[in-house]
Amino acid sequence: PISTRQFRLTFRLWAKAAGLPEEVSAHSLRHSAGTHV
C-alpha cells in the first residue's frame, strides 16, 4: 500500500486542485465527517 506520507501528499494534491486552504489535511476531512453527521 501507499505510505501514510504519500497518503497525506496525495490528499493535499486534491485539496489544492479544489482551491481549499493549504492547511486542509486528511484529518480535516475526518474531523468534518464527525461534525457533519
PDB file of all heavy atoms in Angstrom:
ATOM      1  N   PRO A   1       0.840  -1.206   0.000  1.00  0.00           N
ATOM      2  CA  PRO A   1       0.000   0.000   0.000  1.00  0.00           C
ATOM      3  C   PRO A   1       0.870   1.248   0.000  1.00  0.00           C
ATOM      4  O   PRO A   1       2.073   1.199   0.290  1.00  0.00           O
ATOM      5  CB  PRO A   1      -0.774  -0.119   1.316  1.00  0.00           C
ATOM      6  CG  PRO A   1       0.160  -0.862   2.222  1.00  0.00           C
ATOM      7  CD  PRO A   1       0.868  -1.857   1.333  1.00  0.00           C
ATOM      8  N   ILE A   2       0.268   2.384  -0.338  1.00  0.00           N
ATOM      9  CA  ILE A   2       0.999   3.638  -0.243  1.00  0.00           C
ATOM     10  C   ILE A   2       1.341   3.915   1.218  1.00  0.00           C
ATOM     11  O   ILE A   2       0.688   3.396   2.123  1.00  0.00           O
ATOM     12  CB  ILE A   2       0.197   4.829  -0.819  1.00  0.00           C
ATOM     13  CG1 ILE A   2      -1.130   5.010  -0.054  1.00  0.00           C
ATOM     14  CG2 ILE A   2      -0.057   4.659  -2.292  1.00  0.00           C
ATOM     15  CD1 ILE A   2      -1.887   6.259  -0.446  1.00  0.00           C
ATOM     16  N   SER A   3       2.350   4.717   1.446  1.00  0.00           N
ATOM     17  CA  SER A   3       2.728   5.077   2.806  1.00  0.00           C
ATOM     18  C   SER A   3       1.768   6.140   3.329  1.00  0.00           C
ATOM     19  O   SER A   3       1.060   6.802   2.549  1.00  0.00           O
ATOM     20  CB  SER A   3       4.156   5.617   2.832  1.00  0.00           C
ATOM     21  OG  SER A   3       4.243   6.838   2.106  1.00  0.00           O
ATOM     22  N   THR A   4       1.730   6.313   4.630  1.00  0.00           N
ATOM     23  CA  THR A   4       0.874   7.364   5.187  1.00  0.00           C
ATOM     24  C   THR A   4       1.344   8.741   4.716  1.00  0.00           C
ATOM     25  O   THR A   4       0.534   9.642   4.535  1.00  0.00           O
ATOM     26  CB  THR A   4       0.885   7.313   6.731  1.00  0.00           C
ATOM     27  OG1 THR A   4       2.234   7.311   7.206  1.00  0.00           O
ATOM     28  CG2 THR A   4       0.180   6.064   7.223  1.00  0.00           C
ATOM     29  N   ARG A   5       2.643   8.898   4.505  1.00  0.00           N
ATOM     30  CA  ARG A   5       3.170  10.173   3.991  1.00  0.00           C
ATOM     31  C   ARG A   5       2.629  10.436   2.588  1.00  0.00           C
ATOM     32  O   ARG A   5       2.194  11.543   2.267  1.00  0.00           O
ATOM     33  CB  ARG A   5       4.695  10.146   3.967  1.00  0.00           C
ATOM     34  CG  ARG A   5       5.326  11.434   3.397  1.00  0.00           C
ATOM     35  CD  ARG A   5       6.850  11.389   3.464  1.00  0.00           C
ATOM     36  NE  ARG A   5       7.442  12.621   2.949  1.00  0.00           N
ATOM     37  CZ  ARG A   5       7.684  12.841   1.669  1.00  0.00           C
ATOM     38  NH1 ARG A   5       7.392  11.893   0.767  1.00  0.00           N
ATOM     39  NH2 ARG A   5       8.215  13.987   1.265  1.00  0.00           N
ATOM     40  N   GLN A   6       2.649   9.397   1.730  1.00  0.00           N
ATOM     41  CA  GLN A   6       2.128   9.558   0.376  1.00  0.00           C
ATOM     42  C   GLN A   6       0.616   9.781   0.396  1.00  0.00           C
ATOM     43  O   GLN A   6       0.084  10.526  -0.431  1.00  0.00           O
ATOM     44  CB  GLN A   6       2.461   8.335  -0.473  1.00  0.00           C
ATOM     45  CG  GLN A   6       2.203   8.512  -1.959  1.00  0.00           C
ATOM     46  CD  GLN A   6       2.974   9.675  -2.555  1.00  0.00           C
ATOM     47  OE1 GLN A   6       4.164   9.826  -2.307  1.00  0.00           O
ATOM     48  NE2 GLN A   6       2.293  10.521  -3.320  1.00  0.00           N
ATOM     49  N   PHE A   7      -0.045   9.168   1.333  1.00  0.00           N
ATOM     50  CA  PHE A   7      -1.486   9.386   1.502  1.00  0.00           C
ATOM     51  C   PHE A   7      -1.762  10.868   1.777  1.00  0.00           C
ATOM     52  O   PHE A   7      -2.638  11.479   1.165  1.00  0.00           O
ATOM     53  CB  PHE A   7      -1.997   8.518   2.653  1.00  0.00           C
ATOM     54  CG  PHE A   7      -3.406   8.800   3.089  1.00  0.00           C
ATOM     55  CD1 PHE A   7      -4.489   8.382   2.329  1.00  0.00           C
ATOM     56  CD2 PHE A   7      -3.657   9.480   4.276  1.00  0.00           C
ATOM     57  CE1 PHE A   7      -5.796   8.634   2.737  1.00  0.00           C
ATOM     58  CE2 PHE A   7      -4.953   9.732   4.689  1.00  0.00           C
ATOM     59  CZ  PHE A   7      -6.021   9.303   3.921  1.00  0.00           C
ATOM     60  N   ARG A   8      -0.983  11.454   2.693  1.00  0.00           N
ATOM     61  CA  ARG A   8      -1.170  12.867   3.034  1.00  0.00           C
ATOM     62  C   ARG A   8      -0.837  13.773   1.849  1.00  0.00           C
ATOM     63  O   ARG A   8      -1.542  14.746   1.577  1.00  0.00           O
ATOM     64  CB  ARG A   8      -0.309  13.232   4.240  1.00  0.00           C
ATOM     65  CG  ARG A   8      -0.762  12.590   5.544  1.00  0.00           C
ATOM     66  CD  ARG A   8      -0.057  13.206   6.744  1.00  0.00           C
ATOM     67  NE  ARG A   8       1.370  12.954   6.728  1.00  0.00           N
ATOM     68  CZ  ARG A   8       1.945  11.925   7.325  1.00  0.00           C
ATOM     69  NH1 ARG A   8       1.204  11.034   7.977  1.00  0.00           N
ATOM     70  NH2 ARG A   8       3.257  11.772   7.293  1.00  0.00           N
ATOM     71  N   LEU A   9       0.243  13.445   1.115  1.00  0.00           N
ATOM     72  CA  LEU A   9       0.643  14.259  -0.036  1.00  0.00           C
ATOM     73  C   LEU A   9      -0.397  14.187  -1.154  1.00  0.00           C
ATOM     74  O   LEU A   9      -0.708  15.190  -1.792  1.00  0.00           O
ATOM     75  CB  LEU A   9       2.015  13.806  -0.556  1.00  0.00           C
ATOM     76  CG  LEU A   9       3.211  14.093   0.353  1.00  0.00           C
ATOM     77  CD1 LEU A   9       4.473  13.459  -0.225  1.00  0.00           C
ATOM     78  CD2 LEU A   9       3.398  15.595   0.534  1.00  0.00           C
ATOM     79  N   THR A  10      -0.929  12.991  -1.385  1.00  0.00           N
ATOM     80  CA  THR A  10      -1.961  12.822  -2.410  1.00  0.00           C
ATOM     81  C   THR A  10      -3.209  13.601  -2.047  1.00  0.00           C
ATOM     82  O   THR A  10      -3.827  14.264  -2.888  1.00  0.00           O
ATOM     83  CB  THR A  10      -2.304  11.325  -2.583  1.00  0.00           C
ATOM     84  OG1 THR A  10      -1.125  10.612  -2.962  1.00  0.00           O
ATOM     85  CG2 THR A  10      -3.380  11.130  -3.651  1.00  0.00           C
ATOM     86  N   PHE A  11      -3.576  13.548  -0.769  1.00  0.00           N
ATOM     87  CA  PHE A  11      -4.748  14.296  -0.317  1.00  0.00           C
ATOM     88  C   PHE A  11      -4.543  15.785  -0.544  1.00  0.00           C
ATOM     89  O   PHE A  11      -5.449  16.483  -1.005  1.00  0.00           O
ATOM     90  CB  PHE A  11      -5.010  14.017   1.160  1.00  0.00           C
ATOM     91  CG  PHE A  11      -6.256  14.684   1.664  1.00  0.00           C
ATOM     92  CD1 PHE A  11      -7.480  14.052   1.568  1.00  0.00           C
ATOM     93  CD2 PHE A  11      -6.222  15.966   2.199  1.00  0.00           C
ATOM     94  CE1 PHE A  11      -8.644  14.671   1.993  1.00  0.00           C
ATOM     95  CE2 PHE A  11      -7.364  16.591   2.633  1.00  0.00           C
ATOM     96  CZ  PHE A  11      -8.581  15.942   2.533  1.00  0.00           C
ATOM     97  N   ARG A  12      -3.353  16.287  -0.231  1.00  0.00           N
ATOM     98  CA  ARG A  12      -3.064  17.705  -0.411  1.00  0.00           C
ATOM     99  C   ARG A  12      -3.174  18.105  -1.870  1.00  0.00           C
ATOM    100  O   ARG A  12      -3.622  19.216  -2.194  1.00  0.00           O
ATOM    101  CB  ARG A  12      -1.663  18.037   0.108  1.00  0.00           C
ATOM    102  CG  ARG A  12      -1.563  18.301   1.577  1.00  0.00           C
ATOM    103  CD  ARG A  12      -2.388  19.534   1.994  1.00  0.00           C
ATOM    104  NE  ARG A  12      -2.125  20.680   1.140  1.00  0.00           N
ATOM    105  CZ  ARG A  12      -3.071  21.471   0.656  1.00  0.00           C
ATOM    106  NH1 ARG A  12      -4.342  21.243   0.914  1.00  0.00           N
ATOM    107  NH2 ARG A  12      -2.762  22.499  -0.093  1.00  0.00           N
ATOM    108  N   LEU A  13      -2.794  17.213  -2.772  1.00  0.00           N
ATOM    109  CA  LEU A  13      -2.883  17.491  -4.204  1.00  0.00           C
ATOM    110  C   LEU A  13      -4.331  17.743  -4.609  1.00  0.00           C
ATOM    111  O   LEU A  13      -4.636  18.694  -5.342  1.00  0.00           O
ATOM    112  CB  LEU A  13      -2.306  16.306  -4.980  1.00  0.00           C
ATOM    113  CG  LEU A  13      -2.300  16.420  -6.509  1.00  0.00           C
ATOM    114  CD1 LEU A  13      -1.317  17.502  -6.942  1.00  0.00           C
ATOM    115  CD2 LEU A  13      -1.910  15.084  -7.145  1.00  0.00           C
ATOM    116  N   TRP A  14      -5.231  16.910  -4.100  1.00  0.00           N
ATOM    117  CA  TRP A  14      -6.649  17.066  -4.431  1.00  0.00           C
ATOM    118  C   TRP A  14      -7.240  18.298  -3.755  1.00  0.00           C
ATOM    119  O   TRP A  14      -8.069  19.005  -4.346  1.00  0.00           O
ATOM    120  CB  TRP A  14      -7.424  15.813  -4.030  1.00  0.00           C
ATOM    121  CG  TRP A  14      -7.125  14.666  -4.944  1.00  0.00           C
ATOM    122  CD1 TRP A  14      -6.229  13.664  -4.744  1.00  0.00           C
ATOM    123  CD2 TRP A  14      -7.693  14.427  -6.238  1.00  0.00           C
ATOM    124  NE1 TRP A  14      -6.202  12.807  -5.810  1.00  0.00           N
ATOM    125  CE2 TRP A  14      -7.090  13.247  -6.747  1.00  0.00           C
ATOM    126  CE3 TRP A  14      -8.645  15.088  -7.013  1.00  0.00           C
ATOM    127  CZ2 TRP A  14      -7.415  12.731  -8.005  1.00  0.00           C
ATOM    128  CZ3 TRP A  14      -8.972  14.565  -8.251  1.00  0.00           C
ATOM    129  CH2 TRP A  14      -8.366  13.396  -8.733  1.00  0.00           C
ATOM    130  N   ALA A  15      -6.821  18.571  -2.540  1.00  0.00           N
ATOM    131  CA  ALA A  15      -7.321  19.752  -1.835  1.00  0.00           C
ATOM    132  C   ALA A  15      -6.893  21.029  -2.560  1.00  0.00           C
ATOM    133  O   ALA A  15      -7.668  21.977  -2.691  1.00  0.00           O
ATOM    134  CB  ALA A  15      -6.805  19.761  -0.395  1.00  0.00           C
ATOM    135  N   LYS A  16      -5.656  21.045  -3.025  1.00  0.00           N
ATOM    136  CA  LYS A  16      -5.158  22.211  -3.758  1.00  0.00           C
ATOM    137  C   LYS A  16      -5.927  22.399  -5.060  1.00  0.00           C
ATOM    138  O   LYS A  16      -6.285  23.525  -5.430  1.00  0.00           O
ATOM    139  CB  LYS A  16      -3.672  22.048  -4.046  1.00  0.00           C
ATOM    140  CG  LYS A  16      -3.039  23.247  -4.742  1.00  0.00           C
ATOM    141  CD  LYS A  16      -1.542  23.050  -4.934  1.00  0.00           C
ATOM    142  CE  LYS A  16      -0.924  24.276  -5.620  1.00  0.00           C
ATOM    143  NZ  LYS A  16       0.547  24.085  -5.816  1.00  0.00           N
ATOM    144  N   ALA A  17      -6.207  21.290  -5.761  1.00  0.00           N
ATOM    145  CA  ALA A  17      -6.963  21.360  -7.015  1.00  0.00           C
ATOM    146  C   ALA A  17      -8.370  21.893  -6.786  1.00  0.00           C
ATOM    147  O   ALA A  17      -8.961  22.529  -7.659  1.00  0.00           O
ATOM    148  CB  ALA A  17      -7.019  19.981  -7.667  1.00  0.00           C
ATOM    149  N   ALA A  18      -8.914  21.647  -5.581  1.00  0.00           N
ATOM    150  CA  ALA A  18     -10.259  22.123  -5.241  1.00  0.00           C
ATOM    151  C   ALA A  18     -10.249  23.564  -4.735  1.00  0.00           C
ATOM    152  O   ALA A  18     -11.303  24.122  -4.448  1.00  0.00           O
ATOM    153  CB  ALA A  18     -10.890  21.209  -4.190  1.00  0.00           C
ATOM    154  N   GLY A  19      -9.057  24.157  -4.607  1.00  0.00           N
ATOM    155  CA  GLY A  19      -8.956  25.538  -4.162  1.00  0.00           C
ATOM    156  C   GLY A  19      -9.177  25.721  -2.675  1.00  0.00           C
ATOM    157  O   GLY A  19      -9.553  26.814  -2.235  1.00  0.00           O
ATOM    158  N   LEU A  20      -8.916  24.689  -1.882  1.00  0.00           N
ATOM    159  CA  LEU A  20      -9.125  24.769  -0.436  1.00  0.00           C
ATOM    160  C   LEU A  20      -7.887  25.313   0.264  1.00  0.00           C
ATOM    161  O   LEU A  20      -6.783  25.279  -0.291  1.00  0.00           O
ATOM    162  CB  LEU A  20      -9.480  23.394   0.112  1.00  0.00           C
ATOM    163  CG  LEU A  20     -10.797  22.806  -0.404  1.00  0.00           C
ATOM    164  CD1 LEU A  20     -11.025  21.430   0.197  1.00  0.00           C
ATOM    165  CD2 LEU A  20     -11.971  23.721  -0.104  1.00  0.00           C
ATOM    166  N   PRO A  21      -8.042  25.826   1.496  1.00  0.00           N
ATOM    167  CA  PRO A  21      -6.897  26.371   2.232  1.00  0.00           C
ATOM    168  C   PRO A  21      -5.768  25.361   2.368  1.00  0.00           C
ATOM    169  O   PRO A  21      -6.007  24.150   2.454  1.00  0.00           O
ATOM    170  CB  PRO A  21      -7.501  26.718   3.604  1.00  0.00           C
ATOM    171  CG  PRO A  21      -8.941  26.961   3.321  1.00  0.00           C
ATOM    172  CD  PRO A  21      -9.308  25.997   2.231  1.00  0.00           C
ATOM    173  N   GLU A  22      -4.547  25.870   2.402  1.00  0.00           N
ATOM    174  CA  GLU A  22      -3.382  24.984   2.405  1.00  0.00           C
ATOM    175  C   GLU A  22      -3.281  24.136   3.664  1.00  0.00           C
ATOM    176  O   GLU A  22      -2.612  23.105   3.675  1.00  0.00           O
ATOM    177  CB  GLU A  22      -2.104  25.806   2.242  1.00  0.00           C
ATOM    178  CG  GLU A  22      -1.856  26.808   3.358  1.00  0.00           C
ATOM    179  CD  GLU A  22      -0.643  27.672   3.104  1.00  0.00           C
ATOM    180  OE1 GLU A  22      -0.254  27.811   1.932  1.00  0.00           O
ATOM    181  OE2 GLU A  22      -0.096  28.211   4.080  1.00  0.00           O
ATOM    182  N   GLU A  23      -3.963  24.540   4.742  1.00  0.00           N
ATOM    183  CA  GLU A  23      -3.901  23.757   5.972  1.00  0.00           C
ATOM    184  C   GLU A  23      -4.779  22.507   5.944  1.00  0.00           C
ATOM    185  O   GLU A  23      -4.714  21.684   6.851  1.00  0.00           O
ATOM    186  CB  GLU A  23      -4.328  24.602   7.184  1.00  0.00           C
ATOM    187  CG  GLU A  23      -3.517  25.867   7.388  1.00  0.00           C
ATOM    188  CD  GLU A  23      -4.221  27.070   6.792  1.00  0.00           C
ATOM    189  OE1 GLU A  23      -4.733  26.944   5.667  1.00  0.00           O
ATOM    190  OE2 GLU A  23      -4.276  28.112   7.452  1.00  0.00           O
ATOM    191  N   VAL A  24      -5.639  22.379   4.930  1.00  0.00           N
ATOM    192  CA  VAL A  24      -6.547  21.232   4.872  1.00  0.00           C
ATOM    193  C   VAL A  24      -5.734  19.939   4.790  1.00  0.00           C
ATOM    194  O   VAL A  24      -4.790  19.826   4.010  1.00  0.00           O
ATOM    195  CB  VAL A  24      -7.478  21.337   3.649  1.00  0.00           C
ATOM    196  CG1 VAL A  24      -8.250  20.034   3.459  1.00  0.00           C
ATOM    197  CG2 VAL A  24      -8.448  22.477   3.833  1.00  0.00           C
ATOM    198  N   SER A  25      -6.115  18.987   5.610  1.00  0.00           N
ATOM    199  CA  SER A  25      -5.434  17.691   5.625  1.00  0.00           C
ATOM    200  C   SER A  25      -6.482  16.583   5.617  1.00  0.00           C
ATOM    201  O   SER A  25      -7.686  16.836   5.732  1.00  0.00           O
ATOM    202  CB  SER A  25      -4.569  17.561   6.881  1.00  0.00           C
ATOM    203  OG  SER A  25      -5.395  17.526   8.035  1.00  0.00           O
ATOM    204  N   ALA A  26      -6.025  15.346   5.494  1.00  0.00           N
ATOM    205  CA  ALA A  26      -6.952  14.220   5.559  1.00  0.00           C
ATOM    206  C   ALA A  26      -7.648  14.188   6.913  1.00  0.00           C
ATOM    207  O   ALA A  26      -8.817  13.810   7.023  1.00  0.00           O
ATOM    208  CB  ALA A  26      -6.197  12.913   5.306  1.00  0.00           C
ATOM    209  N   HIS A  27      -6.938  14.613   7.968  1.00  0.00           N
ATOM    210  CA  HIS A  27      -7.567  14.651   9.291  1.00  0.00           C
ATOM    211  C   HIS A  27      -8.652  15.725   9.338  1.00  0.00           C
ATOM    212  O   HIS A  27      -9.638  15.586  10.068  1.00  0.00           O
ATOM    213  CB  HIS A  27      -6.524  14.910  10.381  1.00  0.00           C
ATOM    214  CG  HIS A  27      -7.083  14.772  11.766  1.00  0.00           C
ATOM    215  ND1 HIS A  27      -7.364  13.541  12.329  1.00  0.00           N
ATOM    216  CD2 HIS A  27      -7.451  15.697  12.691  1.00  0.00           C
ATOM    217  CE1 HIS A  27      -7.870  13.719  13.533  1.00  0.00           C
ATOM    218  NE2 HIS A  27      -7.932  15.005  13.788  1.00  0.00           N
ATOM    219  N   SER A  28      -8.488  16.803   8.550  1.00  0.00           N
ATOM    220  CA  SER A  28      -9.545  17.819   8.464  1.00  0.00           C
ATOM    221  C   SER A  28     -10.839  17.182   7.991  1.00  0.00           C
ATOM    222  O   SER A  28     -11.926  17.485   8.487  1.00  0.00           O
ATOM    223  CB  SER A  28      -9.152  18.925   7.475  1.00  0.00           C
ATOM    224  OG  SER A  28      -7.925  19.516   7.780  1.00  0.00           O
ATOM    225  N   LEU A  29     -10.715  16.285   7.016  1.00  0.00           N
ATOM    226  CA  LEU A  29     -11.894  15.640   6.447  1.00  0.00           C
ATOM    227  C   LEU A  29     -12.507  14.671   7.455  1.00  0.00           C
ATOM    228  O   LEU A  29     -13.731  14.583   7.585  1.00  0.00           O
ATOM    229  CB  LEU A  29     -11.502  14.910   5.165  1.00  0.00           C
ATOM    230  CG  LEU A  29     -12.601  14.697   4.132  1.00  0.00           C
ATOM    231  CD1 LEU A  29     -13.265  16.010   3.757  1.00  0.00           C
ATOM    232  CD2 LEU A  29     -12.039  14.025   2.893  1.00  0.00           C
ATOM    233  N   ARG A  30     -11.671  13.955   8.164  1.00  0.00           N
ATOM    234  CA  ARG A  30     -12.158  13.045   9.215  1.00  0.00           C
ATOM    235  C   ARG A  30     -12.893  13.839  10.293  1.00  0.00           C
ATOM    236  O   ARG A  30     -13.993  13.471  10.719  1.00  0.00           O
ATOM    237  CB  ARG A  30     -10.966  12.296   9.821  1.00  0.00           C
ATOM    238  CG  ARG A  30     -11.289  11.455  11.047  1.00  0.00           C
ATOM    239  CD  ARG A  30     -10.036  10.705  11.515  1.00  0.00           C
ATOM    240  NE  ARG A  30     -10.154  10.308  12.917  1.00  0.00           N
ATOM    241  CZ  ARG A  30     -10.828   9.246  13.341  1.00  0.00           C
ATOM    242  NH1 ARG A  30     -11.461   8.465  12.473  1.00  0.00           N
ATOM    243  NH2 ARG A  30     -10.887   8.948  14.631  1.00  0.00           N
ATOM    244  N   HIS A  31     -12.298  14.923  10.715  1.00  0.00           N
ATOM    245  CA  HIS A  31     -12.904  15.792  11.727  1.00  0.00           C
ATOM    246  C   HIS A  31     -14.247  16.330  11.238  1.00  0.00           C
ATOM    247  O   HIS A  31     -15.246  16.323  11.970  1.00  0.00           O
ATOM    248  CB  HIS A  31     -11.937  16.942  12.013  1.00  0.00           C
ATOM    249  CG  HIS A  31     -12.486  18.010  12.907  1.00  0.00           C
ATOM    250  ND1 HIS A  31     -12.673  17.829  14.256  1.00  0.00           N
ATOM    251  CD2 HIS A  31     -12.884  19.272  12.642  1.00  0.00           C
ATOM    252  CE1 HIS A  31     -13.168  18.940  14.785  1.00  0.00           C
ATOM    253  NE2 HIS A  31     -13.303  19.827  13.829  1.00  0.00           N
ATOM    254  N   SER A  32     -14.289  16.761   9.978  1.00  0.00           N
ATOM    255  CA  SER A  32     -15.514  17.337   9.410  1.00  0.00           C
ATOM    256  C   SER A  32     -16.608  16.287   9.277  1.00  0.00           C
ATOM    257  O   SER A  32     -17.790  16.593   9.485  1.00  0.00           O
ATOM    258  CB  SER A  32     -15.213  17.954   8.044  1.00  0.00           C
ATOM    259  OG  SER A  32     -14.241  18.970   8.158  1.00  0.00           O
ATOM    260  N   ALA A  33     -16.241  15.055   8.950  1.00  0.00           N
ATOM    261  CA  ALA A  33     -17.241  13.996   8.812  1.00  0.00           C
ATOM    262  C   ALA A  33     -17.991  13.786  10.121  1.00  0.00           C
ATOM    263  O   ALA A  33     -19.226  13.710  10.143  1.00  0.00           O
ATOM    264  CB  ALA A  33     -16.578  12.693   8.377  1.00  0.00           C
ATOM    265  N   GLY A  34     -17.261  13.718  11.215  1.00  0.00           N
ATOM    266  CA  GLY A  34     -17.907  13.545  12.513  1.00  0.00           C
ATOM    267  C   GLY A  34     -18.815  14.707  12.859  1.00  0.00           C
ATOM    268  O   GLY A  34     -19.931  14.526  13.355  1.00  0.00           O
ATOM    269  N   THR A  35     -18.348  15.910  12.565  1.00  0.00           N
ATOM    270  CA  THR A  35     -19.141  17.111  12.850  1.00  0.00           C
ATOM    271  C   THR A  35     -20.398  17.150  12.001  1.00  0.00           C
ATOM    272  O   THR A  35     -21.483  17.476  12.490  1.00  0.00           O
ATOM    273  CB  THR A  35     -18.295  18.375  12.591  1.00  0.00           C
ATOM    274  OG1 THR A  35     -17.100  18.316  13.376  1.00  0.00           O
ATOM    275  CG2 THR A  35     -19.061  19.627  12.953  1.00  0.00           C
ATOM    276  N   HIS A  36     -20.285  16.802  10.719  1.00  0.00           N
ATOM    277  CA  HIS A  36     -21.435  16.871   9.816  1.00  0.00           C
ATOM    278  C   HIS A  36     -22.488  15.812  10.167  1.00  0.00           C
ATOM    279  O   HIS A  36     -23.691  16.081  10.082  1.00  0.00           O
ATOM    280  CB  HIS A  36     -20.979  16.691   8.365  1.00  0.00           C
ATOM    281  CG  HIS A  36     -20.113  17.805   7.883  1.00  0.00           C
ATOM    282  ND1 HIS A  36     -19.339  17.723   6.744  1.00  0.00           N
ATOM    283  CD2 HIS A  36     -19.895  19.053   8.399  1.00  0.00           C
ATOM    284  CE1 HIS A  36     -18.682  18.858   6.577  1.00  0.00           C
ATOM    285  NE2 HIS A  36     -19.001  19.675   7.562  1.00  0.00           N
ATOM    286  N   VAL A  37     -22.047  14.623  10.531  1.00  0.00           N
ATOM    287  CA  VAL A  37     -23.003  13.584  10.930  1.00  0.00           C
ATOM    288  C   VAL A  37     -23.784  14.043  12.157  1.00  0.00           C
ATOM    289  O   VAL A  37     -25.015  13.901  12.223  1.00  0.00           O
ATOM    290  CB  VAL A  37     -22.281  12.250  11.220  1.00  0.00           C
ATOM    291  CG1 VAL A  37     -23.232  11.261  11.878  1.00  0.00           C
ATOM    292  CG2 VAL A  37     -21.732  11.654   9.937  1.00  0.00           C
TER     293      VAL A  37
END
